PDB file of N, CA and C in Angstrom:
ATOM      1  N   MET A   1      -0.822  -4.567   6.273  1.00  0.00           N
ATOM      2  CA  MET A   1       0.021  -4.164   5.183  1.00  0.00           C
ATOM      3  C   MET A   1      -0.524  -2.860   4.640  1.00  0.00           C
ATOM      4  N   ILE A   2       0.379  -1.957   4.363  1.00  0.00           N
ATOM      5  CA  ILE A   2      -0.006  -0.646   3.856  1.00  0.00           C
ATOM      6  C   ILE A   2       0.557  -0.497   2.447  1.00  0.00           C
ATOM      7  N   PHE A   3      -0.294  -0.041   1.555  1.00  0.00           N
ATOM      8  CA  PHE A   3       0.084   0.175   0.162  1.00  0.00           C
ATOM      9  C   PHE A   3      -0.019   1.667  -0.140  1.00  0.00           C
ATOM     10  N   PRO A   4       0.809   2.187  -1.043  1.00  0.00           N
ATOM     11  CA  PRO A   4       0.734   3.612  -1.375  1.00  0.00           C
ATOM     12  C   PRO A   4      -0.583   3.989  -2.062  1.00  0.00           C
ATOM     13  N   ASP A   5      -1.140   3.059  -2.816  1.00  0.00           N
ATOM     14  CA  ASP A   5      -2.415   3.248  -3.509  1.00  0.00           C
ATOM     15  C   ASP A   5      -3.271   2.016  -3.273  1.00  0.00           C
ATOM     16  N   LYS A   6      -4.500   2.055  -3.759  1.00  0.00           N
ATOM     17  CA  LYS A   6      -5.384   0.899  -3.647  1.00  0.00           C
ATOM     18  C   LYS A   6      -4.772  -0.271  -4.424  1.00  0.00           C
ATOM     19  N   PRO A   7      -4.605  -1.430  -3.768  1.00  0.00           N
ATOM     20  CA  PRO A   7      -4.048  -2.590  -4.482  1.00  0.00           C
ATOM     21  C   PRO A   7      -4.967  -3.030  -5.616  1.00  0.00           C
ATOM     22  N   ASP A   8      -4.360  -3.599  -6.650  1.00  0.00           N
ATOM     23  CA  ASP A   8      -5.161  -4.095  -7.777  1.00  0.00           C
ATOM     24  C   ASP A   8      -5.972  -5.324  -7.354  1.00  0.00           C
ATOM     25  N   ASP A   9      -6.891  -5.740  -8.205  1.00  0.00           N
ATOM     26  CA  ASP A   9      -7.785  -6.856  -7.882  1.00  0.00           C
ATOM     27  C   ASP A   9      -7.042  -8.143  -7.511  1.00  0.00           C
ATOM     28  N   PRO A  10      -6.040  -8.570  -8.296  1.00  0.00           N
ATOM     29  CA  PRO A  10      -5.346  -9.814  -7.926  1.00  0.00           C
ATOM     30  C   PRO A  10      -4.683  -9.729  -6.540  1.00  0.00           C
ATOM     31  N   THR A  11      -4.108  -8.582  -6.227  1.00  0.00           N
ATOM     32  CA  THR A  11      -3.471  -8.412  -4.917  1.00  0.00           C
ATOM     33  C   THR A  11      -4.506  -8.470  -3.806  1.00  0.00           C
ATOM     34  N   ARG A  12      -5.645  -7.827  -4.001  1.00  0.00           N
ATOM     35  CA  ARG A  12      -6.706  -7.871  -2.985  1.00  0.00           C
ATOM     36  C   ARG A  12      -7.230  -9.288  -2.811  1.00  0.00           C
ATOM     37  N   ARG A  13      -7.325 -10.049  -3.904  1.00  0.00           N
ATOM     38  CA  ARG A  13      -7.775 -11.440  -3.799  1.00  0.00           C
ATOM     39  C   ARG A  13      -6.796 -12.269  -2.972  1.00  0.00           C
ATOM     40  N   VAL A  14      -5.498 -12.061  -3.187  1.00  0.00           N
ATOM     41  CA  VAL A  14      -4.477 -12.781  -2.415  1.00  0.00           C
ATOM     42  C   VAL A  14      -4.579 -12.409  -0.935  1.00  0.00           C
ATOM     43  N   LEU A  15      -4.732 -11.134  -0.660  1.00  0.00           N
ATOM     44  CA  LEU A  15      -4.865 -10.697   0.732  1.00  0.00           C
ATOM     45  C   LEU A  15      -6.082 -11.342   1.392  1.00  0.00           C
ATOM     46  N   LYS A  16      -7.214 -11.290   0.732  1.00  0.00           N
ATOM     47  CA  LYS A  16      -8.446 -11.854   1.296  1.00  0.00           C
ATOM     48  C   LYS A  16      -8.336 -13.362   1.466  1.00  0.00           C
ATOM     49  N   ALA A  17      -7.735 -14.035   0.483  1.00  0.00           N
ATOM     50  CA  ALA A  17      -7.599 -15.491   0.551  1.00  0.00           C
ATOM     51  C   ALA A  17      -6.718 -15.924   1.717  1.00  0.00           C
ATOM     52  N   ASN A  18      -5.866 -15.019   2.189  1.00  0.00           N
ATOM     53  CA  ASN A  18      -4.969 -15.328   3.293  1.00  0.00           C
ATOM     54  C   ASN A  18      -5.426 -14.710   4.611  1.00  0.00           C
ATOM     55  N   GLY A  19      -6.690 -14.331   4.674  1.00  0.00           N
ATOM     56  CA  GLY A  19      -7.270 -13.887   5.933  1.00  0.00           C
ATOM     57  C   GLY A  19      -7.097 -12.424   6.274  1.00  0.00           C
ATOM     58  N   PHE A  20      -6.589 -11.629   5.354  1.00  0.00           N
ATOM     59  CA  PHE A  20      -6.436 -10.201   5.609  1.00  0.00           C
ATOM     60  C   PHE A  20      -7.745  -9.485   5.322  1.00  0.00           C
ATOM     61  N   ARG A  21      -8.026  -8.457   6.098  1.00  0.00           N
ATOM     62  CA  ARG A  21      -9.225  -7.644   5.916  1.00  0.00           C
ATOM     63  C   ARG A  21      -8.830  -6.185   5.915  1.00  0.00           C
ATOM     64  N   TRP A  22      -9.568  -5.396   5.157  1.00  0.00           N
ATOM     65  CA  TRP A  22      -9.314  -3.967   5.060  1.00  0.00           C
ATOM     66  C   TRP A  22      -9.816  -3.274   6.323  1.00  0.00           C
ATOM     67  N   SER A  23      -8.987  -2.455   6.925  1.00  0.00           N
ATOM     68  CA  SER A  23      -9.373  -1.663   8.084  1.00  0.00           C
ATOM     69  C   SER A  23      -9.391  -0.201   7.676  1.00  0.00           C
ATOM     70  N   PRO A  24     -10.576   0.367   7.427  1.00  0.00           N
ATOM     71  CA  PRO A  24     -10.644   1.776   7.052  1.00  0.00           C
ATOM     72  C   PRO A  24     -10.087   2.684   8.144  1.00  0.00           C
ATOM     73  N   TRP A  25     -10.296   2.288   9.382  1.00  0.00           N
ATOM     74  CA  TRP A  25      -9.834   3.108  10.500  1.00  0.00           C
ATOM     75  C   TRP A  25      -8.311   3.213  10.503  1.00  0.00           C
ATOM     76  N   ARG A  26      -7.621   2.116  10.219  1.00  0.00           N
ATOM     77  CA  ARG A  26      -6.155   2.115  10.197  1.00  0.00           C
ATOM     78  C   ARG A  26      -5.594   2.408   8.803  1.00  0.00           C
ATOM     79  N   GLY A  27      -6.428   2.287   7.784  1.00  0.00           N
ATOM     80  CA  GLY A  27      -5.954   2.497   6.420  1.00  0.00           C
ATOM     81  C   GLY A  27      -4.979   1.425   5.988  1.00  0.00           C
ATOM     82  N   ALA A  28      -5.237   0.188   6.421  1.00  0.00           N
ATOM     83  CA  ALA A  28      -4.308  -0.901   6.138  1.00  0.00           C
ATOM     84  C   ALA A  28      -5.045  -2.224   6.039  1.00  0.00           C
ATOM     85  N   TRP A  29      -4.411  -3.167   5.360  1.00  0.00           N
ATOM     86  CA  TRP A  29      -4.885  -4.547   5.337  1.00  0.00           C
ATOM     87  C   TRP A  29      -4.260  -5.214   6.544  1.00  0.00           C
ATOM     88  N   GLN A  30      -5.067  -5.904   7.339  1.00  0.00           N
ATOM     89  CA  GLN A  30      -4.522  -6.479   8.560  1.00  0.00           C
ATOM     90  C   GLN A  30      -5.137  -7.826   8.897  1.00  0.00           C
ATOM     91  N   ARG A  31      -4.426  -8.546   9.729  1.00  0.00           N
ATOM     92  CA  ARG A  31      -4.912  -9.766  10.376  1.00  0.00           C
ATOM     93  C   ARG A  31      -4.098  -9.925  11.644  1.00  0.00           C
ATOM     94  N   HIS A  32      -4.540 -10.783  12.532  1.00  0.00           N
ATOM     95  CA  HIS A  32      -3.825 -10.954  13.795  1.00  0.00           C
ATOM     96  C   HIS A  32      -2.415 -11.460  13.524  1.00  0.00           C
ATOM     97  N   LEU A  33      -1.445 -10.850  14.181  1.00  0.00           N
ATOM     98  CA  LEU A  33      -0.061 -11.284  14.057  1.00  0.00           C
ATOM     99  C   LEU A  33       0.229 -12.262  15.190  1.00  0.00           C
ATOM    100  N   ASN A  34      -0.009 -13.519  14.895  1.00  0.00           N
ATOM    101  CA  ASN A  34       0.294 -14.606  15.823  1.00  0.00           C
ATOM    102  C   ASN A  34       0.885 -15.733  14.987  1.00  0.00           C
ATOM    103  N   GLU A  35       1.108 -16.866  15.601  1.00  0.00           N
ATOM    104  CA  GLU A  35       1.718 -17.965  14.845  1.00  0.00           C
ATOM    105  C   GLU A  35       0.867 -18.366  13.642  1.00  0.00           C
ATOM    106  N   SER A  36      -0.440 -18.231  13.760  1.00  0.00           N
ATOM    107  CA  SER A  36      -1.316 -18.571  12.634  1.00  0.00           C
ATOM    108  C   SER A  36      -1.302 -17.511  11.545  1.00  0.00           C
ATOM    109  N   GLY A  37      -0.822 -16.322  11.840  1.00  0.00           N
ATOM    110  CA  GLY A  37      -0.814 -15.235  10.874  1.00  0.00           C
ATOM    111  C   GLY A  37       0.527 -14.973  10.220  1.00  0.00           C
ATOM    112  N   ARG A  38       1.587 -15.456  10.815  1.00  0.00           N
ATOM    113  CA  ARG A  38       2.928 -15.168  10.278  1.00  0.00           C
ATOM    114  C   ARG A  38       3.159 -15.809   8.907  1.00  0.00           C
ATOM    115  N   TYR A  39       2.825 -17.071   8.774  1.00  0.00           N
ATOM    116  CA  TYR A  39       3.047 -17.751   7.498  1.00  0.00           C
ATOM    117  C   TYR A  39       2.216 -17.135   6.375  1.00  0.00           C
ATOM    118  N   PRO A  40       0.910 -16.876   6.579  1.00  0.00           N
ATOM    119  CA  PRO A  40       0.146 -16.229   5.506  1.00  0.00           C
ATOM    120  C   PRO A  40       0.709 -14.855   5.131  1.00  0.00           C
ATOM    121  N   ALA A  41       1.211 -14.107   6.100  1.00  0.00           N
ATOM    122  CA  ALA A  41       1.797 -12.800   5.788  1.00  0.00           C
ATOM    123  C   ALA A  41       3.019 -12.962   4.890  1.00  0.00           C
ATOM    124  N   GLN A  42       3.858 -13.938   5.199  1.00  0.00           N
ATOM    125  CA  GLN A  42       5.031 -14.198   4.360  1.00  0.00           C
ATOM    126  C   GLN A  42       4.615 -14.657   2.973  1.00  0.00           C
ATOM    127  N   ARG A  43       3.578 -15.497   2.911  1.00  0.00           N
ATOM    128  CA  ARG A  43       3.086 -16.000   1.624  1.00  0.00           C
ATOM    129  C   ARG A  43       2.541 -14.860   0.760  1.00  0.00           C
ATOM    130  N   VAL A  44       1.798 -13.949   1.378  1.00  0.00           N
ATOM    131  CA  VAL A  44       1.261 -12.795   0.638  1.00  0.00           C
ATOM    132  C   VAL A  44       2.405 -11.944   0.107  1.00  0.00           C
ATOM    133  N   LEU A  45       3.370 -11.632   0.951  1.00  0.00           N
ATOM    134  CA  LEU A  45       4.496 -10.802   0.504  1.00  0.00           C
ATOM    135  C   LEU A  45       5.242 -11.464  -0.647  1.00  0.00           C
ATOM    136  N   LYS A  46       5.468 -12.768  -0.553  1.00  0.00           N
ATOM    137  CA  LYS A  46       6.167 -13.482  -1.624  1.00  0.00           C
ATOM    138  C   LYS A  46       5.349 -13.458  -2.916  1.00  0.00           C
ATOM    139  N   THR A  47       4.041 -13.669  -2.792  1.00  0.00           N
ATOM    140  CA  THR A  47       3.176 -13.717  -3.969  1.00  0.00           C
ATOM    141  C   THR A  47       3.094 -12.360  -4.649  1.00  0.00           C
ATOM    142  N   ILE A  48       2.848 -11.303  -3.863  1.00  0.00           N
ATOM    143  CA  ILE A  48       2.683  -9.991  -4.501  1.00  0.00           C
ATOM    144  C   ILE A  48       4.016  -9.423  -4.957  1.00  0.00           C
ATOM    145  N   SER A  49       5.109  -9.793  -4.318  1.00  0.00           N
ATOM    146  CA  SER A  49       6.429  -9.342  -4.785  1.00  0.00           C
ATOM    147  C   SER A  49       6.755  -9.978  -6.122  1.00  0.00           C
ATOM    148  N   GLY A  50       6.433 -11.250  -6.269  1.00  0.00           N
ATOM    149  CA  GLY A  50       6.660 -11.956  -7.529  1.00  0.00           C
ATOM    150  C   GLY A  50       5.778 -11.417  -8.629  1.00  0.00           C
ATOM    151  N   ALA A  51       4.547 -11.058  -8.281  1.00  0.00           N
ATOM    152  CA  ALA A  51       3.611 -10.512  -9.266  1.00  0.00           C
ATOM    153  C   ALA A  51       4.039  -9.140  -9.733  1.00  0.00           C
ATOM    154  N   ASN A  52       4.582  -8.342  -8.826  1.00  0.00           N
ATOM    155  CA  ASN A  52       5.009  -6.990  -9.178  1.00  0.00           C
ATOM    156  C   ASN A  52       6.334  -6.979  -9.913  1.00  0.00           C
ATOM    157  N   ALA A  53       7.124  -8.024  -9.740  1.00  0.00           N
ATOM    158  CA  ALA A  53       8.426  -8.079 -10.406  1.00  0.00           C
ATOM    159  C   ALA A  53       8.283  -8.466 -11.875  1.00  0.00           C
ATOM    160  N   ALA A  54       7.188  -9.094 -12.226  1.00  0.00           N
ATOM    161  CA  ALA A  54       7.011  -9.558 -13.608  1.00  0.00           C
ATOM    162  C   ALA A  54       6.689  -8.424 -14.549  1.00  0.00           C
TER     163      ALA A  54
END
């Protein structure tokens, strides 16, 4: 996942809790995109979208 700026602390906690790690080389938060990674990716997007909408 790529953000325009550094994500805030709560967003980074959600990413880390769902297995995402910061890749300085790619400039993105990433994890393997397989069946085990699809659901956490959807969960992160839902969580941070809800947090940003408030």
